[in-house]
Protein backbone atom coordinates (compact mmCIF):
# COMPACT_ATOMS: atom_id res chain seq x y z
CA MET A 1 0.00 0.00 0.00
CA ASN A 2 1.32 3.44 -0.92
CA GLU A 3 2.08 5.80 1.93
CA TYR A 4 -0.40 8.32 0.50
CA SER A 5 -3.40 7.48 -1.68
CA PHE A 6 -7.10 8.15 -2.18
CA ILE A 7 -9.95 5.70 -1.74
CA ARG A 8 -13.21 6.13 -3.60
CA ILE A 9 -15.73 4.56 -1.24
CA LYS A 10 -18.18 3.52 -3.96
CA ASP A 11 -15.41 1.59 -5.74
CA ALA A 12 -13.72 -0.06 -2.77
CA PHE A 13 -16.77 -0.53 -0.56
CA PRO A 14 -19.97 -0.76 -2.61
CA THR A 15 -22.97 -1.26 -0.36
CA GLU A 16 -23.86 -4.67 -1.78
CA ASN A 17 -20.36 -6.12 -1.26
CA LEU A 18 -20.42 -8.41 1.79
CA ILE A 19 -16.63 -8.78 1.89
CA GLY A 20 -16.21 -5.02 1.76
CA ARG A 21 -18.61 -4.57 4.66
CA TRP A 22 -16.74 -7.23 6.64
CA VAL A 23 -13.41 -5.52 5.99
CA ILE A 24 -14.90 -2.19 7.11
CA GLY A 25 -15.98 -3.90 10.33
CA LEU A 26 -12.43 -5.09 10.93
CA ALA A 27 -11.19 -1.56 10.27
CA VAL A 28 -13.58 -0.18 12.89
CA ILE A 29 -12.32 -2.75 15.40
CA HIS A 30 -8.74 -1.85 14.46
CA ASN A 31 -9.34 1.86 15.10
CA ASP A 32 -11.13 1.23 18.39
CA PHE A 33 -8.30 -0.97 19.59
CA ILE A 34 -5.63 1.53 18.57
CA PHE A 35 -7.35 4.02 20.88
CA LEU A 36 -7.94 1.49 23.65
CA LYS A 37 -4.40 0.15 23.45
CA ASP A 38 -3.11 3.35 25.03
CA GLN A 39 -5.44 2.70 27.95
CA LEU A 40 -4.59 -0.98 27.98
CA TYR A 41 -0.90 -0.43 28.55
CA LEU A 42 -1.66 1.75 31.53
CA LEU A 43 -2.92 -1.44 33.14
CA SER A 44 -0.49 -2.87 35.60
CA GLU A 45 -0.63 -6.60 36.09
CA ASP A 46 -1.18 -5.76 39.76
CA ILE A 47 -4.92 -6.20 40.37
CA SER A 48 -4.98 -3.41 42.97
CA THR A 49 -3.79 -0.94 40.33
CA VAL A 50 -6.37 -2.11 37.80
CA ILE A 51 -9.23 -1.82 40.26
CA SER A 52 -8.23 1.46 41.88
CA LYS A 53 -6.95 3.47 38.91
CA VAL A 54 -8.46 2.33 35.62
CA PRO A 55 -11.68 0.35 36.24
CA ALA A 56 -13.72 2.27 33.66
CA SER A 57 -11.05 1.72 31.00
CA PHE A 58 -10.83 -1.96 31.86
CA LYS A 59 -14.60 -2.35 31.48
CA LEU A 60 -14.51 -0.74 28.05
CA ILE A 61 -11.49 -2.76 26.91
CA ALA A 62 -12.99 -6.06 28.05
CA ALA A 63 -16.38 -5.37 26.45
CA SER A 64 -14.78 -4.24 23.17
CA LEU A 65 -12.62 -7.36 22.95
CA ARG A 66 -15.60 -9.57 23.68
CA GLU A 67 -17.59 -7.99 20.85
CA ALA A 68 -14.61 -8.22 18.47
CA ILE A 69 -14.27 -11.95 19.13
CA PHE A 70 -17.97 -12.45 18.43
CA TYR A 71 -17.74 -10.35 15.27
CA LEU A 72 -15.01 -12.56 13.88
CA GLU A 73 -16.62 -15.83 14.95
CA GLU A 74 -20.05 -14.90 13.60
CA SER A 75 -18.46 -13.78 10.31
CA GLU A 76 -17.45 -17.37 9.60
CA LYS A 77 -21.12 -18.30 9.31
CA GLN A 78 -21.19 -16.38 6.02
CA ILE A 79 -19.89 -18.72 3.30
CA ASP A 80 -18.43 -15.89 1.21
CA ILE A 81 -16.47 -14.50 4.15
CA LYS A 82 -15.26 -17.94 5.21
CA GLU A 83 -13.99 -18.61 1.68
CA TYR A 84 -12.33 -15.18 1.54
CA ILE A 85 -10.53 -15.87 4.81
CA SER A 86 -9.34 -19.27 3.58
CA GLU A 87 -7.77 -17.62 0.53
CA LEU A 88 -5.85 -14.95 2.46
CA PRO A 89 -2.03 -15.01 2.17
CA PRO A 90 -0.20 -17.32 4.61
CA HIS A 91 1.13 -14.52 6.82
CA ILE A 92 -2.41 -13.22 7.38
CA LEU A 93 -3.77 -16.71 8.00
CA LYS A 94 -1.09 -17.15 10.65
CA LEU A 95 -2.36 -14.04 12.43
CA TYR A 96 -5.90 -15.38 12.11
CA SER A 97 -4.83 -18.64 13.72
CA PHE A 98 -3.90 -16.70 16.87
CA LEU A 99 -7.50 -15.44 17.16
CA THR A 100 -9.61 -18.54 16.46
CA PRO A 101 -8.71 -20.21 19.79
CA LEU A 102 -10.63 -17.36 21.46
CA TYR A 103 -13.90 -18.52 19.87
CA ARG A 104 -16.61 -20.21 21.93
CA THR A 105 -15.41 -23.57 20.60
CA GLY A 106 -11.70 -22.71 20.91
CA ASP A 107 -9.24 -23.96 23.48
CA GLN A 108 -8.93 -20.45 24.95
CA SER A 109 -12.69 -19.89 25.23
CA ASP A 110 -12.30 -19.31 28.97
CA LEU A 111 -11.11 -15.79 28.17
CA LEU A 112 -14.27 -15.09 26.16
CA GLN A 113 -16.43 -16.41 29.00
CA ARG A 114 -14.71 -14.18 31.53
CA LEU A 115 -15.06 -11.15 29.25
CA THR A 116 -18.75 -11.97 28.80
CA ASN A 117 -19.28 -12.26 32.56
CA LEU A 118 -17.49 -8.97 33.11
CA ARG A 119 -19.59 -7.21 30.48
CA ASN A 120 -22.88 -8.71 31.61
CA ILE A 121 -22.35 -7.86 35.26
CA THR A 122 -20.79 -4.42 35.00
CA TYR A 123 -23.04 -3.04 32.26
CA HIS A 124 -26.39 -4.19 33.63
CA PHE A 125 -26.82 -1.32 36.06
CA SER A 126 -30.36 -0.84 34.76
CA LYS A 127 -31.32 -3.82 36.92
CA PRO A 128 -30.80 -2.69 40.53
CA HIS A 129 -32.39 -5.88 41.83
CA ARG A 130 -29.43 -7.93 40.56
CA ASN A 131 -27.38 -9.76 43.17
CA GLU A 132 -24.13 -7.97 42.26
CA PHE A 133 -25.39 -4.73 43.77
CA ILE A 134 -26.46 -6.54 46.93
CA LYS A 135 -23.06 -8.22 47.35
CA ALA A 136 -21.15 -5.00 46.80
CA LEU A 137 -23.34 -3.06 49.21
CA GLU A 138 -23.19 -5.77 51.87
CA GLU A 139 -19.40 -5.84 51.96
CA ASN A 140 -19.14 -2.04 52.11
CA GLN A 141 -21.80 -1.30 54.71
CA ASN A 142 -19.21 -0.08 57.23
CA GLN A 143 -17.41 2.24 54.80
CA ILE A 144 -17.55 6.01 55.27
CA ILE A 145 -17.04 7.91 52.00
CA TYR A 146 -16.14 11.57 51.67
CA ASN A 147 -18.69 13.51 49.65
CA GLU A 148 -18.16 16.91 48.03
CA ASP A 149 -20.82 18.59 45.93
CA MET A 150 -18.22 20.16 43.63
CA ASN A 151 -16.57 16.82 42.83
CA GLN A 152 -17.41 15.55 39.34
CA HIS A 153 -17.50 11.95 40.58
CA PHE A 154 -19.68 10.26 43.16
CA LEU A 155 -17.01 8.53 45.24
CA TYR A 156 -19.47 6.11 46.82
CA ALA A 157 -20.36 4.92 43.30
CA GLU A 158 -16.66 4.34 42.57
CA LEU A 159 -16.47 2.13 45.66
CA ILE A 160 -19.46 0.01 44.66
CA ARG A 161 -18.42 -0.18 40.99
CA ASN A 162 -14.95 -1.37 41.95
CA SER A 163 -16.40 -4.07 44.21
CA ILE A 164 -18.64 -5.30 41.39
CA LEU A 165 -15.67 -5.31 39.01
CA ILE A 166 -13.62 -7.45 41.37
CA HIS A 167 -16.42 -10.00 41.74
CA SER A 168 -17.04 -10.11 37.99
CA LEU A 169 -13.50 -11.33 37.37
CA LEU A 170 -14.51 -14.59 39.07
CA LYS A 171 -11.02 -15.72 40.01
CA THR A 172 -9.60 -13.04 42.24
CA GLU A 173 -6.17 -14.52 42.92
CA GLU A 174 -3.67 -11.91 41.80
CA ASP A 175 -1.58 -14.22 39.61
CA GLU A 176 -4.71 -15.28 37.68
CA ILE A 177 -5.76 -11.67 37.16
CA SER A 178 -2.27 -10.89 35.88
CA GLU A 179 -2.57 -13.74 33.39
CA LEU A 180 -5.99 -12.43 32.33
CA ILE A 181 -4.54 -8.99 31.63
CA ARG A 182 -1.66 -10.50 29.64
CA SER A 183 -4.17 -12.54 27.59
CA ILE A 184 -6.25 -9.44 26.86
CA LYS A 185 -3.17 -7.49 25.77
CA SER A 186 -2.07 -10.32 23.47
CA ALA A 187 -5.53 -10.73 21.93
CA ILE A 188 -5.87 -7.02 21.19
CA ASP A 189 -2.39 -6.87 19.66
CA ASN A 190 -3.28 -9.79 17.40
CA PHE A 191 -6.61 -8.22 16.41
CA ILE A 192 -4.85 -4.99 15.45
CA LYS A 193 -2.28 -6.83 13.33
CA PHE A 194 -4.87 -9.07 11.65
CA SER A 195 -7.29 -6.24 10.89
CA ARG A 196 -4.54 -4.06 9.48
CA GLU A 197 -3.17 -6.78 7.21
CA VAL A 198 -6.63 -7.75 5.92
CA ASN A 199 -7.43 -4.12 5.09
CA LYS A 200 -4.10 -3.63 3.32
CA TYR A 201 -4.64 -6.83 1.33
CA TYR A 202 -8.22 -5.92 0.40
CA LEU A 203 -7.37 -2.38 -0.67
CA LYS A 204 -4.45 -3.29 -2.91
CA ASP A 205 -6.85 -3.70 -5.86
CA PHE A 206 -8.27 -0.21 -5.38
CA LEU A 207 -5.16 1.91 -4.86
């Protein structure tokens, strides 16, 4: 791909082209992850740092990765996309092989399940009857939280959100959380590389 070029959308990505739409989806994931990667590498592998300093970023990163995995796995149900993937150059297929174990049927599906649990628990705040709120409130009943009207954040909400986040990770041993963070970093790096290479390969006929 040339360093500088122009893309005519109607030529490269006509609305009826399923492969083009799939490639655009990968490009969106790529751009999201480029932004989130800066937040990701602020994450220490120390669980106390993750919970106390960047819980909101961690929620967003985990949910985005979960949706990206589903996007790729569901794409394979389309015969045209599956055939297109199978015909990609070997170096791109190698990158793809790093991602397929994350699928629901893959040997690293535990990561997907943990990301799903994290997303389901921490984003369902519209259901205050859920048990996660009860657990978090029960264990913090004796806490006294400073409150200032001028503060942009409700500190008591930070306390409860962080408790829910800890419980949503399921396995709270620090070494397992560290491994989870390493797995997330690796998966996002591989998604970025795969998406970039697919887009470069697809666009070579239009530049």
